[in-house]
Amino acid sequence: MHIVFLQFTERKSEAGKFMQGHKDWIQRGFDAGCFLLTGSLQPQTGGVILADRISREELNQLIKQDPFVEQGIVTPEIVELAPSRVDTRLDFLLN
């Protein structure tokens, strides 16, 4: 499992131009079954993705396809996580 942080760069003001492509890219991640959650970092410093069932190498390649990454709107950081204990509502994350 991976947590991906997408931190805005000094080009944040240009995000609107690439927002639809970014949203389409996110949808492809959900459609592929590897994105479990996406959201905004507060206060408006970027975004976060919880990804699973994808290797780090594959995730790196996928992230490079995000228009925000391609255009330098965000800088990605991947943190690998090995869950060991979860609330029962999240048991599926341990499989």
C-alpha atoms as a PDB file:
ATOM      1  CA  MET A   1       0.000   0.000   0.000  1.00  0.00           C
ATOM      2  CA  HIS A   2       1.166   3.510  -0.772  1.00  0.00           C
ATOM      3  CA  ILE A   3       0.305   7.031   0.252  1.00  0.00           C
ATOM      4  CA  VAL A   4       1.040   9.533  -2.495  1.00  0.00           C
ATOM      5  CA  PHE A   5       1.421  13.184  -1.583  1.00  0.00           C
ATOM      6  CA  LEU A   6       1.064  15.677  -4.426  1.00  0.00           C
ATOM      7  CA  GLN A   7       2.462  18.970  -3.125  1.00  0.00           C
ATOM      8  CA  PHE A   8       1.723  22.124  -5.091  1.00  0.00           C
ATOM      9  CA  THR A   9       4.700  23.938  -6.587  1.00  0.00           C
ATOM     10  CA  GLU A  10       5.041  27.619  -7.464  1.00  0.00           C
ATOM     11  CA  ARG A  11       2.940  26.779 -10.561  1.00  0.00           C
ATOM     12  CA  LYS A  12      -0.186  26.131  -8.448  1.00  0.00           C
ATOM     13  CA  SER A  13      -1.989  29.048 -10.112  1.00  0.00           C
ATOM     14  CA  GLU A  14      -1.932  27.105 -13.410  1.00  0.00           C
ATOM     15  CA  ALA A  15      -3.762  24.079 -11.964  1.00  0.00           C
ATOM     16  CA  GLY A  16      -7.104  25.123 -13.450  1.00  0.00           C
ATOM     17  CA  LYS A  17      -5.807  24.643 -16.988  1.00  0.00           C
ATOM     18  CA  PHE A  18      -5.045  20.982 -16.298  1.00  0.00           C
ATOM     19  CA  MET A  19      -7.774  20.145 -13.765  1.00  0.00           C
ATOM     20  CA  GLN A  20      -9.991  18.100 -16.100  1.00  0.00           C
ATOM     21  CA  GLY A  21      -7.045  16.009 -17.244  1.00  0.00           C
ATOM     22  CA  HIS A  22      -6.025  15.507 -13.611  1.00  0.00           C
ATOM     23  CA  LYS A  23      -9.567  14.412 -12.694  1.00  0.00           C
ATOM     24  CA  ASP A  24      -9.636  12.019 -15.660  1.00  0.00           C
ATOM     25  CA  TRP A  25      -6.292  10.588 -14.554  1.00  0.00           C
ATOM     26  CA  ILE A  26      -7.649  10.059 -11.025  1.00  0.00           C
ATOM     27  CA  GLN A  27     -10.698   8.268 -12.445  1.00  0.00           C
ATOM     28  CA  ARG A  28      -8.433   5.926 -14.410  1.00  0.00           C
ATOM     29  CA  GLY A  29      -6.703   5.024 -11.134  1.00  0.00           C
ATOM     30  CA  PHE A  30     -10.056   4.174  -9.541  1.00  0.00           C
ATOM     31  CA  ASP A  31     -11.177   2.270 -12.647  1.00  0.00           C
ATOM     32  CA  ALA A  32      -7.957   0.223 -12.539  1.00  0.00           C
ATOM     33  CA  GLY A  33      -8.690  -0.687  -8.919  1.00  0.00           C
ATOM     34  CA  CYS A  34      -5.504   0.776  -7.475  1.00  0.00           C
ATOM     35  CA  PHE A  35      -6.796   4.061  -6.004  1.00  0.00           C
ATOM     36  CA  LEU A  36      -8.764   3.613  -2.782  1.00  0.00           C
ATOM     37  CA  LEU A  37      -9.075   7.256  -1.738  1.00  0.00           C
ATOM     38  CA  THR A  38      -8.148  10.697  -2.970  1.00  0.00           C
ATOM     39  CA  GLY A  39      -8.496  14.058  -1.296  1.00  0.00           C
ATOM     40  CA  SER A  40      -7.106  17.527  -0.780  1.00  0.00           C
ATOM     41  CA  LEU A  41      -4.357  18.433   1.645  1.00  0.00           C
ATOM     42  CA  GLN A  42      -5.435  21.324   3.811  1.00  0.00           C
ATOM     43  CA  PRO A  43      -5.081  24.201   3.666  1.00  0.00           C
ATOM     44  CA  GLN A  44      -4.936  23.814  -0.137  1.00  0.00           C
ATOM     45  CA  THR A  45      -1.351  22.592  -0.273  1.00  0.00           C
ATOM     46  CA  GLY A  46      -1.962  19.728  -2.695  1.00  0.00           C
ATOM     47  CA  GLY A  47      -3.551  16.316  -2.749  1.00  0.00           C
ATOM     48  CA  VAL A  48      -3.207  12.805  -1.412  1.00  0.00           C
ATOM     49  CA  ILE A  49      -3.902   9.364  -2.851  1.00  0.00           C
ATOM     50  CA  LEU A  50      -4.174   6.035  -1.050  1.00  0.00           C
ATOM     51  CA  ALA A  51      -3.128   3.360  -3.532  1.00  0.00           C
ATOM     52  CA  ASP A  52      -3.119  -0.423  -3.194  1.00  0.00           C
ATOM     53  CA  ARG A  53      -2.622  -3.509  -5.337  1.00  0.00           C
ATOM     54  CA  ILE A  54       0.033  -1.806  -7.439  1.00  0.00           C
ATOM     55  CA  SER A  55       3.811  -2.093  -7.258  1.00  0.00           C
ATOM     56  CA  ARG A  56       5.884   0.957  -6.483  1.00  0.00           C
ATOM     57  CA  GLU A  57       7.399   0.825  -9.963  1.00  0.00           C
ATOM     58  CA  GLU A  58       3.951   0.702 -11.598  1.00  0.00           C
ATOM     59  CA  LEU A  59       2.743   3.505  -9.339  1.00  0.00           C
ATOM     60  CA  ASN A  60       5.755   5.636 -10.289  1.00  0.00           C
ATOM     61  CA  GLN A  61       4.874   5.161 -13.958  1.00  0.00           C
ATOM     62  CA  LEU A  62       1.205   5.976 -13.312  1.00  0.00           C
ATOM     63  CA  ILE A  63       2.058   9.136 -11.378  1.00  0.00           C
ATOM     64  CA  LYS A  64       4.232  10.372 -14.245  1.00  0.00           C
ATOM     65  CA  GLN A  65       1.073  10.345 -16.411  1.00  0.00           C
ATOM     66  CA  ASP A  66      -0.780  12.819 -14.161  1.00  0.00           C
ATOM     67  CA  PRO A  67      -1.061  16.125 -16.059  1.00  0.00           C
ATOM     68  CA  PHE A  68      -0.308  17.980 -12.815  1.00  0.00           C
ATOM     69  CA  VAL A  69       2.996  16.097 -12.544  1.00  0.00           C
ATOM     70  CA  GLU A  70       3.772  16.426 -16.261  1.00  0.00           C
ATOM     71  CA  GLN A  71       3.247  20.197 -16.092  1.00  0.00           C
ATOM     72  CA  GLY A  72       5.120  20.724 -12.819  1.00  0.00           C
ATOM     73  CA  ILE A  73       1.980  21.808 -10.946  1.00  0.00           C
ATOM     74  CA  VAL A  74       2.698  19.296  -8.160  1.00  0.00           C
ATOM     75  CA  THR A  75       5.689  17.386  -6.874  1.00  0.00           C
ATOM     76  CA  PRO A  76       4.866  13.764  -5.988  1.00  0.00           C
ATOM     77  CA  GLU A  77       6.142  11.882  -2.955  1.00  0.00           C
ATOM     78  CA  ILE A  78       5.381   8.192  -2.429  1.00  0.00           C
ATOM     79  CA  VAL A  79       5.381   6.656   1.042  1.00  0.00           C
ATOM     80  CA  GLU A  80       5.074   2.881   1.272  1.00  0.00           C
ATOM     81  CA  LEU A  81       2.915   1.552   4.090  1.00  0.00           C
ATOM     82  CA  ALA A  82       2.523  -1.993   5.449  1.00  0.00           C
ATOM     83  CA  PRO A  83      -0.640  -1.931   7.598  1.00  0.00           C
ATOM     84  CA  SER A  84      -0.452  -4.198  10.628  1.00  0.00           C
ATOM     85  CA  ARG A  85      -3.565  -3.187  12.567  1.00  0.00           C
ATOM     86  CA  VAL A  86      -6.796  -1.552  11.433  1.00  0.00           C
ATOM     87  CA  ASP A  87     -10.300  -0.831  12.641  1.00  0.00           C
ATOM     88  CA  THR A  88     -12.639  -3.666  11.640  1.00  0.00           C
ATOM     89  CA  ARG A  89     -14.208  -1.423   8.998  1.00  0.00           C
ATOM     90  CA  LEU A  90     -10.868  -1.450   7.202  1.00  0.00           C
ATOM     91  CA  ASP A  91     -10.074  -5.166   7.480  1.00  0.00           C
ATOM     92  CA  PHE A  92      -9.848  -5.409   3.695  1.00  0.00           C
ATOM     93  CA  LEU A  93      -6.621  -3.398   3.864  1.00  0.00           C
ATOM     94  CA  LEU A  94      -4.838  -6.265   5.606  1.00  0.00           C
ATOM     95  CA  ASN A  95      -5.365  -8.747   2.771  1.00  0.00           C
END
